[in-house]
């Protein structure tokens, strides 16, 4: 891949990641949060399942493999996205995106505790910088909003899902894994919507456009672009640029939603972005 193509696709993909927070915030004017999340991933999952069936991608062959795939979907789609959508009821898109994208920092902590992986010194420096950023971002809040907790929970679920994918992902075709984990996670979100909220979705051109954007651009195209980059370039180099996603999250929150960029948010965000860059700078790790 030529350098300018790599940069262009990287910017588009991370922009779709980050800007989805502002789009979801707009969508919550027309829908309850868990139902909007459920519709987004059920639609995206169904479309991708059709694609993988048409192209006859290899599917799981045992109940154990299907169970693993469903567990990944429970954490990656239902857990992460459910918490993100719930967080946006009470905090800004900027705050939610920054907190959610602390997940690479948590991966280092969880992997050290639960696996035999050891990370380099500068990666731990990244973790420390990121945690300082979280404290700065949250510490300036006059009141502890429930959305802040949901934002942090989304990062926790994402970190767990990342470790599960690293452990089990080799057993699945990438596209099949994506399709069915989104579909299963979407079904769990639908169940959560029925049980935990009073679901509603106002059908109009704006709400349908938002739903289609979230399902196609912020889910399918974003996923396809990101995994294409990982498969066709150096994964360590590519993942280092994940810091662009919270940057775009803050930027689109400011431009689209007219969110105020508080000093604590900017300073905390810079610490977190620096931490993410250091943590993802390389995949080279020392096995213990």
C-alpha atoms as a PDB file:
ATOM      1  CA  UNK A   1       0.000   0.000   0.000  1.00  0.00           C
ATOM      2  CA  UNK A   2       1.349   3.421  -0.963  1.00  0.00           C
ATOM      3  CA  UNK A   3       1.987   5.862   1.839  1.00  0.00           C
ATOM      4  CA  UNK A   4      -0.664   8.395   0.793  1.00  0.00           C
ATOM      5  CA  UNK A   5      -3.256   5.589   0.487  1.00  0.00           C
ATOM      6  CA  UNK A   6      -2.358   4.343   3.967  1.00  0.00           C
ATOM      7  CA  UNK A   7      -2.719   7.837   5.454  1.00  0.00           C
ATOM      8  CA  UNK A   8      -5.999   8.542   3.648  1.00  0.00           C
ATOM      9  CA  UNK A   9      -7.625   5.273   4.739  1.00  0.00           C
ATOM     10  CA  UNK A  10      -6.275   5.678   8.266  1.00  0.00           C
ATOM     11  CA  UNK A  11      -7.792   9.155   8.581  1.00  0.00           C
ATOM     12  CA  UNK A  12     -11.150   8.010   7.166  1.00  0.00           C
ATOM     13  CA  UNK A  13     -11.318   4.980   9.468  1.00  0.00           C
ATOM     14  CA  UNK A  14     -10.352   6.776  12.680  1.00  0.00           C
ATOM     15  CA  UNK A  15     -12.680   9.643  11.736  1.00  0.00           C
ATOM     16  CA  UNK A  16     -15.584   7.196  11.465  1.00  0.00           C
ATOM     17  CA  UNK A  17     -14.623   5.731  14.853  1.00  0.00           C
ATOM     18  CA  UNK A  18     -14.452   9.081  16.599  1.00  0.00           C
ATOM     19  CA  UNK A  19     -17.332  10.868  14.883  1.00  0.00           C
ATOM     20  CA  UNK A  20     -19.793   8.080  15.706  1.00  0.00           C
ATOM     21  CA  UNK A  21     -20.117   9.467  19.248  1.00  0.00           C
ATOM     22  CA  UNK A  22     -21.558  12.759  17.971  1.00  0.00           C
ATOM     23  CA  UNK A  23     -23.838  10.907  15.522  1.00  0.00           C
ATOM     24  CA  UNK A  24     -25.158   8.707  18.345  1.00  0.00           C
ATOM     25  CA  UNK A  25     -25.769  11.822  20.451  1.00  0.00           C
ATOM     26  CA  UNK A  26     -27.893  13.200  17.597  1.00  0.00           C
ATOM     27  CA  UNK A  27     -29.727   9.886  17.309  1.00  0.00           C
ATOM     28  CA  UNK A  28     -30.743   9.916  20.971  1.00  0.00           C
ATOM     29  CA  UNK A  29     -33.189  12.712  20.116  1.00  0.00           C
ATOM     30  CA  UNK A  30     -35.259  10.088  18.301  1.00  0.00           C
ATOM     31  CA  UNK A  31     -34.636   6.835  20.151  1.00  0.00           C
ATOM     32  CA  UNK A  32     -34.005   5.266  23.536  1.00  0.00           C
ATOM     33  CA  UNK A  33     -30.271   4.459  23.818  1.00  0.00           C
ATOM     34  CA  UNK A  34     -30.269   0.664  24.008  1.00  0.00           C
ATOM     35  CA  UNK A  35     -32.821   0.326  21.214  1.00  0.00           C
ATOM     36  CA  UNK A  36     -30.780   2.615  18.940  1.00  0.00           C
ATOM     37  CA  UNK A  37     -27.671   0.535  19.669  1.00  0.00           C
ATOM     38  CA  UNK A  38     -29.612  -2.683  19.038  1.00  0.00           C
ATOM     39  CA  UNK A  39     -31.004  -1.487  15.700  1.00  0.00           C
ATOM     40  CA  UNK A  40     -27.565  -0.276  14.607  1.00  0.00           C
ATOM     41  CA  UNK A  41     -25.803  -3.581  15.177  1.00  0.00           C
ATOM     42  CA  UNK A  42     -28.635  -5.872  14.175  1.00  0.00           C
ATOM     43  CA  UNK A  43     -28.816  -4.103  10.809  1.00  0.00           C
ATOM     44  CA  UNK A  44     -25.031  -4.108  10.399  1.00  0.00           C
ATOM     45  CA  UNK A  45     -24.830  -7.741  11.516  1.00  0.00           C
ATOM     46  CA  UNK A  46     -27.560  -8.897   9.145  1.00  0.00           C
ATOM     47  CA  UNK A  47     -25.912  -7.142   6.190  1.00  0.00           C
ATOM     48  CA  UNK A  48     -22.532  -8.677   7.009  1.00  0.00           C
ATOM     49  CA  UNK A  49     -24.003 -12.155   7.559  1.00  0.00           C
ATOM     50  CA  UNK A  50     -25.531 -11.956   4.080  1.00  0.00           C
ATOM     51  CA  UNK A  51     -22.130 -10.974   2.674  1.00  0.00           C
ATOM     52  CA  UNK A  52     -20.185 -13.779   4.392  1.00  0.00           C
ATOM     53  CA  UNK A  53     -22.797 -16.320   3.294  1.00  0.00           C
ATOM     54  CA  UNK A  54     -22.698 -15.114  -0.323  1.00  0.00           C
ATOM     55  CA  UNK A  55     -18.902 -15.351  -0.367  1.00  0.00           C
ATOM     56  CA  UNK A  56     -19.035 -18.672   1.525  1.00  0.00           C
ATOM     57  CA  UNK A  57     -16.609 -17.622   4.252  1.00  0.00           C
ATOM     58  CA  UNK A  58     -15.797 -20.466   6.694  1.00  0.00           C
ATOM     59  CA  UNK A  59     -18.242 -20.590   9.620  1.00  0.00           C
ATOM     60  CA  UNK A  60     -17.796 -22.155  13.082  1.00  0.00           C
ATOM     61  CA  UNK A  61     -18.268 -25.910  13.049  1.00  0.00           C
ATOM     62  CA  UNK A  62     -18.915 -26.652  16.728  1.00  0.00           C
ATOM     63  CA  UNK A  63     -21.129 -25.411  19.550  1.00  0.00           C
ATOM     64  CA  UNK A  64     -18.018 -24.433  21.511  1.00  0.00           C
ATOM     65  CA  UNK A  65     -16.855 -22.141  18.685  1.00  0.00           C
ATOM     66  CA  UNK A  66     -20.294 -20.552  18.386  1.00  0.00           C
ATOM     67  CA  UNK A  67     -20.317 -20.008  22.157  1.00  0.00           C
ATOM     68  CA  UNK A  68     -16.939 -18.253  22.035  1.00  0.00           C
ATOM     69  CA  UNK A  69     -18.173 -16.063  19.203  1.00  0.00           C
ATOM     70  CA  UNK A  70     -21.286 -15.147  21.203  1.00  0.00           C
ATOM     71  CA  UNK A  71     -19.201 -14.307  24.291  1.00  0.00           C
ATOM     72  CA  UNK A  72     -17.085 -11.937  22.199  1.00  0.00           C
ATOM     73  CA  UNK A  73     -20.279 -10.329  20.901  1.00  0.00           C
ATOM     74  CA  UNK A  74     -21.592  -9.953  24.448  1.00  0.00           C
ATOM     75  CA  UNK A  75     -18.529  -7.942  25.476  1.00  0.00           C
ATOM     76  CA  UNK A  76     -17.527  -6.170  22.227  1.00  0.00           C
ATOM     77  CA  UNK A  77     -20.947  -5.131  20.941  1.00  0.00           C
ATOM     78  CA  UNK A  78     -23.484  -5.432  23.777  1.00  0.00           C
ATOM     79  CA  UNK A  79     -21.160  -4.359  26.603  1.00  0.00           C
ATOM     80  CA  UNK A  80     -19.076  -1.698  24.877  1.00  0.00           C
ATOM     81  CA  UNK A  81     -21.769  -0.139  22.727  1.00  0.00           C
ATOM     82  CA  UNK A  82     -24.517  -0.398  25.308  1.00  0.00           C
ATOM     83  CA  UNK A  83     -22.385   1.544  27.785  1.00  0.00           C
ATOM     84  CA  UNK A  84     -21.389   4.127  25.168  1.00  0.00           C
ATOM     85  CA  UNK A  85     -24.997   4.797  24.194  1.00  0.00           C
ATOM     86  CA  UNK A  86     -26.077   5.005  27.852  1.00  0.00           C
ATOM     87  CA  UNK A  87     -23.180   7.332  28.688  1.00  0.00           C
ATOM     88  CA  UNK A  88     -24.268   9.819  26.026  1.00  0.00           C
ATOM     89  CA  UNK A  89     -27.527  10.495  27.856  1.00  0.00           C
ATOM     90  CA  UNK A  90     -25.695  12.500  30.525  1.00  0.00           C
ATOM     91  CA  UNK A  91     -22.199  13.400  29.244  1.00  0.00           C
ATOM     92  CA  UNK A  92     -20.871  14.948  26.053  1.00  0.00           C
ATOM     93  CA  UNK A  93     -19.707  13.052  22.982  1.00  0.00           C
ATOM     94  CA  UNK A  94     -16.209  14.405  23.660  1.00  0.00           C
ATOM     95  CA  UNK A  95     -16.105  13.003  27.189  1.00  0.00           C
ATOM     96  CA  UNK A  96     -17.547   9.659  26.136  1.00  0.00           C
ATOM     97  CA  UNK A  97     -15.077   9.203  23.267  1.00  0.00           C
ATOM     98  CA  UNK A  98     -12.074  10.066  25.443  1.00  0.00           C
ATOM     99  CA  UNK A  99     -13.111   7.666  28.219  1.00  0.00           C
ATOM    100  CA  UNK A 100     -13.997   4.844  25.819  1.00  0.00           C
ATOM    101  CA  UNK A 101     -10.684   5.041  24.002  1.00  0.00           C
ATOM    102  CA  UNK A 102      -8.745   4.492  27.209  1.00  0.00           C
ATOM    103  CA  UNK A 103      -9.270   0.781  26.460  1.00  0.00           C
ATOM    104  CA  UNK A 104      -5.698   0.203  25.115  1.00  0.00           C
ATOM    105  CA  UNK A 105      -4.400   1.348  28.499  1.00  0.00           C
ATOM    106  CA  UNK A 106      -6.646  -1.159  30.286  1.00  0.00           C
ATOM    107  CA  UNK A 107      -5.527  -3.932  27.922  1.00  0.00           C
ATOM    108  CA  UNK A 108      -1.973  -3.524  29.254  1.00  0.00           C
ATOM    109  CA  UNK A 109      -3.178  -3.719  32.863  1.00  0.00           C
ATOM    110  CA  UNK A 110      -5.538  -6.676  32.338  1.00  0.00           C
ATOM    111  CA  UNK A 111      -3.079  -8.614  30.174  1.00  0.00           C
ATOM    112  CA  UNK A 112      -0.382  -8.201  32.831  1.00  0.00           C
ATOM    113  CA  UNK A 113      -2.725  -9.432  35.581  1.00  0.00           C
ATOM    114  CA  UNK A 114      -4.444 -12.301  33.769  1.00  0.00           C
ATOM    115  CA  UNK A 115      -1.876 -13.491  31.188  1.00  0.00           C
ATOM    116  CA  UNK A 116       1.861 -14.070  31.008  1.00  0.00           C
ATOM    117  CA  UNK A 117       2.521 -10.978  28.913  1.00  0.00           C
ATOM    118  CA  UNK A 118       4.919  -8.261  30.064  1.00  0.00           C
ATOM    119  CA  UNK A 119       5.055  -4.844  28.457  1.00  0.00           C
ATOM    120  CA  UNK A 120       7.904  -2.429  27.887  1.00  0.00           C
ATOM    121  CA  UNK A 121       8.716   0.450  30.198  1.00  0.00           C
ATOM    122  CA  UNK A 122       7.516   3.167  27.819  1.00  0.00           C
ATOM    123  CA  UNK A 123       4.177   1.369  27.461  1.00  0.00           C
ATOM    124  CA  UNK A 124       3.691   1.556  31.233  1.00  0.00           C
ATOM    125  CA  UNK A 125       4.579   5.245  31.019  1.00  0.00           C
ATOM    126  CA  UNK A 126       1.718   5.443  28.515  1.00  0.00           C
ATOM    127  CA  UNK A 127      -0.636   3.760  30.989  1.00  0.00           C
ATOM    128  CA  UNK A 128       0.345   6.218  33.725  1.00  0.00           C
ATOM    129  CA  UNK A 129      -0.154   9.215  31.410  1.00  0.00           C
ATOM    130  CA  UNK A 130      -3.538   7.860  30.345  1.00  0.00           C
ATOM    131  CA  UNK A 131      -4.722   7.327  33.922  1.00  0.00           C
ATOM    132  CA  UNK A 132      -3.606  10.852  34.834  1.00  0.00           C
ATOM    133  CA  UNK A 133      -5.656  12.057  31.863  1.00  0.00           C
ATOM    134  CA  UNK A 134      -8.736  10.212  33.126  1.00  0.00           C
ATOM    135  CA  UNK A 135      -8.324  11.752  36.574  1.00  0.00           C
ATOM    136  CA  UNK A 136      -7.990  15.234  35.048  1.00  0.00           C
ATOM    137  CA  UNK A 137     -10.995  14.696  32.770  1.00  0.00           C
ATOM    138  CA  UNK A 138     -13.232  13.342  35.529  1.00  0.00           C
ATOM    139  CA  UNK A 139     -11.788  15.330  38.437  1.00  0.00           C
ATOM    140  CA  UNK A 140     -13.051  18.646  37.078  1.00  0.00           C
ATOM    141  CA  UNK A 141     -16.659  17.454  37.172  1.00  0.00           C
ATOM    142  CA  UNK A 142     -18.742  19.256  39.759  1.00  0.00           C
ATOM    143  CA  UNK A 143     -20.962  16.173  40.056  1.00  0.00           C
ATOM    144  CA  UNK A 144     -20.200  12.536  39.298  1.00  0.00           C
ATOM    145  CA  UNK A 145     -22.518  11.876  36.390  1.00  0.00           C
ATOM    146  CA  UNK A 146     -23.578   8.284  35.734  1.00  0.00           C
ATOM    147  CA  UNK A 147     -22.452   8.745  32.149  1.00  0.00           C
ATOM    148  CA  UNK A 148     -18.824   8.974  33.287  1.00  0.00           C
ATOM    149  CA  UNK A 149     -19.111   5.531  34.860  1.00  0.00           C
ATOM    150  CA  UNK A 150     -20.719   4.114  31.716  1.00  0.00           C
ATOM    151  CA  UNK A 151     -17.924   5.666  29.657  1.00  0.00           C
ATOM    152  CA  UNK A 152     -15.284   3.932  31.779  1.00  0.00           C
ATOM    153  CA  UNK A 153     -17.252   0.658  31.707  1.00  0.00           C
ATOM    154  CA  UNK A 154     -17.259   0.759  27.911  1.00  0.00           C
ATOM    155  CA  UNK A 155     -13.449   0.882  28.008  1.00  0.00           C
ATOM    156  CA  UNK A 156     -13.364  -2.038  30.471  1.00  0.00           C
ATOM    157  CA  UNK A 157     -15.610  -4.186  28.258  1.00  0.00           C
ATOM    158  CA  UNK A 158     -13.576  -3.252  25.167  1.00  0.00           C
ATOM    159  CA  UNK A 159     -10.320  -4.246  26.865  1.00  0.00           C
ATOM    160  CA  UNK A 160     -11.812  -7.611  27.887  1.00  0.00           C
ATOM    161  CA  UNK A 161     -13.119  -8.158  24.349  1.00  0.00           C
ATOM    162  CA  UNK A 162      -9.679  -7.333  22.937  1.00  0.00           C
ATOM    163  CA  UNK A 163      -8.044 -10.004  25.090  1.00  0.00           C
ATOM    164  CA  UNK A 164     -10.730 -12.539  24.150  1.00  0.00           C
ATOM    165  CA  UNK A 165     -10.228 -11.832  20.443  1.00  0.00           C
ATOM    166  CA  UNK A 166      -6.452 -12.212  20.848  1.00  0.00           C
ATOM    167  CA  UNK A 167      -7.028 -15.572  22.540  1.00  0.00           C
ATOM    168  CA  UNK A 168      -9.828 -16.962  20.341  1.00  0.00           C
ATOM    169  CA  UNK A 169      -9.700 -14.875  17.161  1.00  0.00           C
ATOM    170  CA  UNK A 170      -7.379 -17.270  15.356  1.00  0.00           C
ATOM    171  CA  UNK A 171     -10.172 -19.853  15.275  1.00  0.00           C
ATOM    172  CA  UNK A 172     -12.498 -17.627  13.221  1.00  0.00           C
ATOM    173  CA  UNK A 173     -12.595 -16.015   9.830  1.00  0.00           C
ATOM    174  CA  UNK A 174     -12.285 -12.281  10.512  1.00  0.00           C
ATOM    175  CA  UNK A 175     -15.403 -11.332   8.549  1.00  0.00           C
ATOM    176  CA  UNK A 176     -17.496 -14.123  10.054  1.00  0.00           C
ATOM    177  CA  UNK A 177     -16.405 -13.118  13.551  1.00  0.00           C
ATOM    178  CA  UNK A 178     -17.356  -9.501  12.916  1.00  0.00           C
ATOM    179  CA  UNK A 179     -20.706 -10.336  11.358  1.00  0.00           C
ATOM    180  CA  UNK A 180     -22.013 -12.697  14.000  1.00  0.00           C
ATOM    181  CA  UNK A 181     -20.610 -10.897  17.045  1.00  0.00           C
ATOM    182  CA  UNK A 182     -22.387  -7.725  15.879  1.00  0.00           C
ATOM    183  CA  UNK A 183     -25.620  -9.614  15.230  1.00  0.00           C
ATOM    184  CA  UNK A 184     -25.538 -11.476  18.542  1.00  0.00           C
ATOM    185  CA  UNK A 185     -24.547  -8.339  20.444  1.00  0.00           C
ATOM    186  CA  UNK A 186     -27.377  -6.467  18.740  1.00  0.00           C
ATOM    187  CA  UNK A 187     -29.867  -9.121  19.864  1.00  0.00           C
ATOM    188  CA  UNK A 188     -28.583  -8.831  23.455  1.00  0.00           C
ATOM    189  CA  UNK A 189     -28.982  -5.058  23.258  1.00  0.00           C
ATOM    190  CA  UNK A 190     -32.547  -5.530  22.029  1.00  0.00           C
ATOM    191  CA  UNK A 191     -33.256  -7.764  25.020  1.00  0.00           C
ATOM    192  CA  UNK A 192     -31.669  -5.165  27.296  1.00  0.00           C
ATOM    193  CA  UNK A 193     -33.824  -2.463  25.758  1.00  0.00           C
ATOM    194  CA  UNK A 194     -37.021  -4.419  26.460  1.00  0.00           C
ATOM    195  CA  UNK A 195     -36.015  -5.207  30.046  1.00  0.00           C
ATOM    196  CA  UNK A 196     -34.160  -2.057  31.166  1.00  0.00           C
ATOM    197  CA  UNK A 197     -35.838   0.861  29.387  1.00  0.00           C
ATOM    198  CA  UNK A 198     -39.036   1.997  27.739  1.00  0.00           C
ATOM    199  CA  UNK A 199     -37.985   1.485  24.120  1.00  0.00           C
ATOM    200  CA  UNK A 200     -39.041   3.949  21.451  1.00  0.00           C
ATOM    201  CA  UNK A 201     -37.842   4.958  18.006  1.00  0.00           C
ATOM    202  CA  UNK A 202     -39.309   7.967  16.190  1.00  0.00           C
ATOM    203  CA  UNK A 203     -39.350   7.198  12.486  1.00  0.00           C
ATOM    204  CA  UNK A 204     -38.536  10.193  10.279  1.00  0.00           C
ATOM    205  CA  UNK A 205     -35.942  10.989   7.588  1.00  0.00           C
ATOM    206  CA  UNK A 206     -33.424  12.258  10.146  1.00  0.00           C
ATOM    207  CA  UNK A 207     -33.605   9.214  12.433  1.00  0.00           C
ATOM    208  CA  UNK A 208     -33.409   6.771   9.520  1.00  0.00           C
ATOM    209  CA  UNK A 209     -30.403   8.603   8.048  1.00  0.00           C
ATOM    210  CA  UNK A 210     -28.636   8.488  11.421  1.00  0.00           C
ATOM    211  CA  UNK A 211     -29.393   4.765  11.785  1.00  0.00           C
ATOM    212  CA  UNK A 212     -28.113   3.990   8.286  1.00  0.00           C
ATOM    213  CA  UNK A 213     -24.968   6.055   8.867  1.00  0.00           C
ATOM    214  CA  UNK A 214     -24.242   4.264  12.154  1.00  0.00           C
ATOM    215  CA  UNK A 215     -24.907   0.814  10.670  1.00  0.00           C
ATOM    216  CA  UNK A 216     -23.109   1.166   7.346  1.00  0.00           C
ATOM    217  CA  UNK A 217     -20.406   3.817   7.728  1.00  0.00           C
ATOM    218  CA  UNK A 218     -19.671   3.701  11.474  1.00  0.00           C
ATOM    219  CA  UNK A 219     -19.894  -0.104  11.692  1.00  0.00           C
ATOM    220  CA  UNK A 220     -19.336  -2.023   8.445  1.00  0.00           C
ATOM    221  CA  UNK A 221     -17.100   0.415   6.526  1.00  0.00           C
ATOM    222  CA  UNK A 222     -15.200   1.405   9.658  1.00  0.00           C
ATOM    223  CA  UNK A 223     -14.530  -2.238  10.487  1.00  0.00           C
ATOM    224  CA  UNK A 224     -13.574  -3.142   6.921  1.00  0.00           C
ATOM    225  CA  UNK A 225     -11.180  -0.204   6.656  1.00  0.00           C
ATOM    226  CA  UNK A 226      -9.507  -0.851   9.996  1.00  0.00           C
ATOM    227  CA  UNK A 227      -8.926  -4.544   9.398  1.00  0.00           C
ATOM    228  CA  UNK A 228      -7.721  -3.900   5.867  1.00  0.00           C
ATOM    229  CA  UNK A 229      -5.113  -1.561   7.340  1.00  0.00           C
ATOM    230  CA  UNK A 230      -4.069  -4.123   9.958  1.00  0.00           C
ATOM    231  CA  UNK A 231      -3.750  -6.862   7.341  1.00  0.00           C
ATOM    232  CA  UNK A 232      -1.922  -4.782   4.710  1.00  0.00           C
ATOM    233  CA  UNK A 233       0.506  -2.745   6.806  1.00  0.00           C
ATOM    234  CA  UNK A 234       2.512  -3.078   9.980  1.00  0.00           C
ATOM    235  CA  UNK A 235      -0.053  -3.649  12.796  1.00  0.00           C
ATOM    236  CA  UNK A 236       2.092  -1.845  15.370  1.00  0.00           C
ATOM    237  CA  UNK A 237       2.458   1.232  13.188  1.00  0.00           C
ATOM    238  CA  UNK A 238      -1.262   1.229  12.377  1.00  0.00           C
ATOM    239  CA  UNK A 239      -2.467   0.768  15.962  1.00  0.00           C
ATOM    240  CA  UNK A 240      -0.267   3.632  17.151  1.00  0.00           C
ATOM    241  CA  UNK A 241      -2.565   5.974  15.232  1.00  0.00           C
ATOM    242  CA  UNK A 242      -5.594   4.896  17.255  1.00  0.00           C
ATOM    243  CA  UNK A 243      -5.067   8.136  19.202  1.00  0.00           C
ATOM    244  CA  UNK A 244      -6.702   9.930  16.254  1.00  0.00           C
ATOM    245  CA  UNK A 245     -10.102   8.431  17.136  1.00  0.00           C
ATOM    246  CA  UNK A 246     -10.661  10.322  20.433  1.00  0.00           C
ATOM    247  CA  UNK A 247      -9.238  13.436  18.741  1.00  0.00           C
ATOM    248  CA  UNK A 248     -11.932  13.175  16.051  1.00  0.00           C
ATOM    249  CA  UNK A 249     -14.489  12.411  18.766  1.00  0.00           C
ATOM    250  CA  UNK A 250     -13.729  15.691  20.525  1.00  0.00           C
ATOM    251  CA  UNK A 251     -13.520  17.610  17.236  1.00  0.00           C
ATOM    252  CA  UNK A 252     -16.891  16.418  15.901  1.00  0.00           C
ATOM    253  CA  UNK A 253     -18.519  16.979  19.291  1.00  0.00           C
ATOM    254  CA  UNK A 254     -17.342  20.580  19.127  1.00  0.00           C
ATOM    255  CA  UNK A 255     -18.276  21.150  15.457  1.00  0.00           C
ATOM    256  CA  UNK A 256     -21.510  19.141  15.159  1.00  0.00           C
ATOM    257  CA  UNK A 257     -22.947  19.501  18.669  1.00  0.00           C
ATOM    258  CA  UNK A 258     -21.355  22.815  19.676  1.00  0.00           C
ATOM    259  CA  UNK A 259     -19.913  21.193  22.795  1.00  0.00           C
ATOM    260  CA  UNK A 260     -17.730  23.378  24.987  1.00  0.00           C
ATOM    261  CA  UNK A 261     -14.070  22.379  25.096  1.00  0.00           C
ATOM    262  CA  UNK A 262     -13.326  22.788  28.793  1.00  0.00           C
ATOM    263  CA  UNK A 263      -9.693  23.167  29.763  1.00  0.00           C
ATOM    264  CA  UNK A 264      -9.811  19.956  31.840  1.00  0.00           C
ATOM    265  CA  UNK A 265     -11.166  18.014  28.838  1.00  0.00           C
ATOM    266  CA  UNK A 266      -8.435  19.303  26.520  1.00  0.00           C
ATOM    267  CA  UNK A 267      -5.598  18.702  29.007  1.00  0.00           C
ATOM    268  CA  UNK A 268      -6.934  15.308  30.097  1.00  0.00           C
ATOM    269  CA  UNK A 269      -7.526  14.320  26.498  1.00  0.00           C
ATOM    270  CA  UNK A 270      -3.936  15.183  25.543  1.00  0.00           C
ATOM    271  CA  UNK A 271      -2.610  13.006  28.372  1.00  0.00           C
ATOM    272  CA  UNK A 272      -4.837  10.102  27.272  1.00  0.00           C
ATOM    273  CA  UNK A 273      -3.930  10.504  23.587  1.00  0.00           C
ATOM    274  CA  UNK A 274      -0.215  10.521  24.511  1.00  0.00           C
ATOM    275  CA  UNK A 275      -0.718   7.400  26.601  1.00  0.00           C
ATOM    276  CA  UNK A 276      -2.544   5.580  23.808  1.00  0.00           C
ATOM    277  CA  UNK A 277       0.262   6.427  21.389  1.00  0.00           C
ATOM    278  CA  UNK A 278       2.950   5.039  23.707  1.00  0.00           C
ATOM    279  CA  UNK A 279       0.988   1.871  24.508  1.00  0.00           C
ATOM    280  CA  UNK A 280       0.269   1.116  20.832  1.00  0.00           C
ATOM    281  CA  UNK A 281       3.632   2.178  19.465  1.00  0.00           C
ATOM    282  CA  UNK A 282       4.662  -1.415  18.884  1.00  0.00           C
ATOM    283  CA  UNK A 283       3.282  -4.922  19.292  1.00  0.00           C
ATOM    284  CA  UNK A 284       6.711  -6.201  20.330  1.00  0.00           C
ATOM    285  CA  UNK A 285       6.335  -7.635  23.836  1.00  0.00           C
ATOM    286  CA  UNK A 286       8.470  -9.691  26.120  1.00  0.00           C
ATOM    287  CA  UNK A 287       6.951 -13.055  27.000  1.00  0.00           C
ATOM    288  CA  UNK A 288       7.157 -13.977  30.667  1.00  0.00           C
END
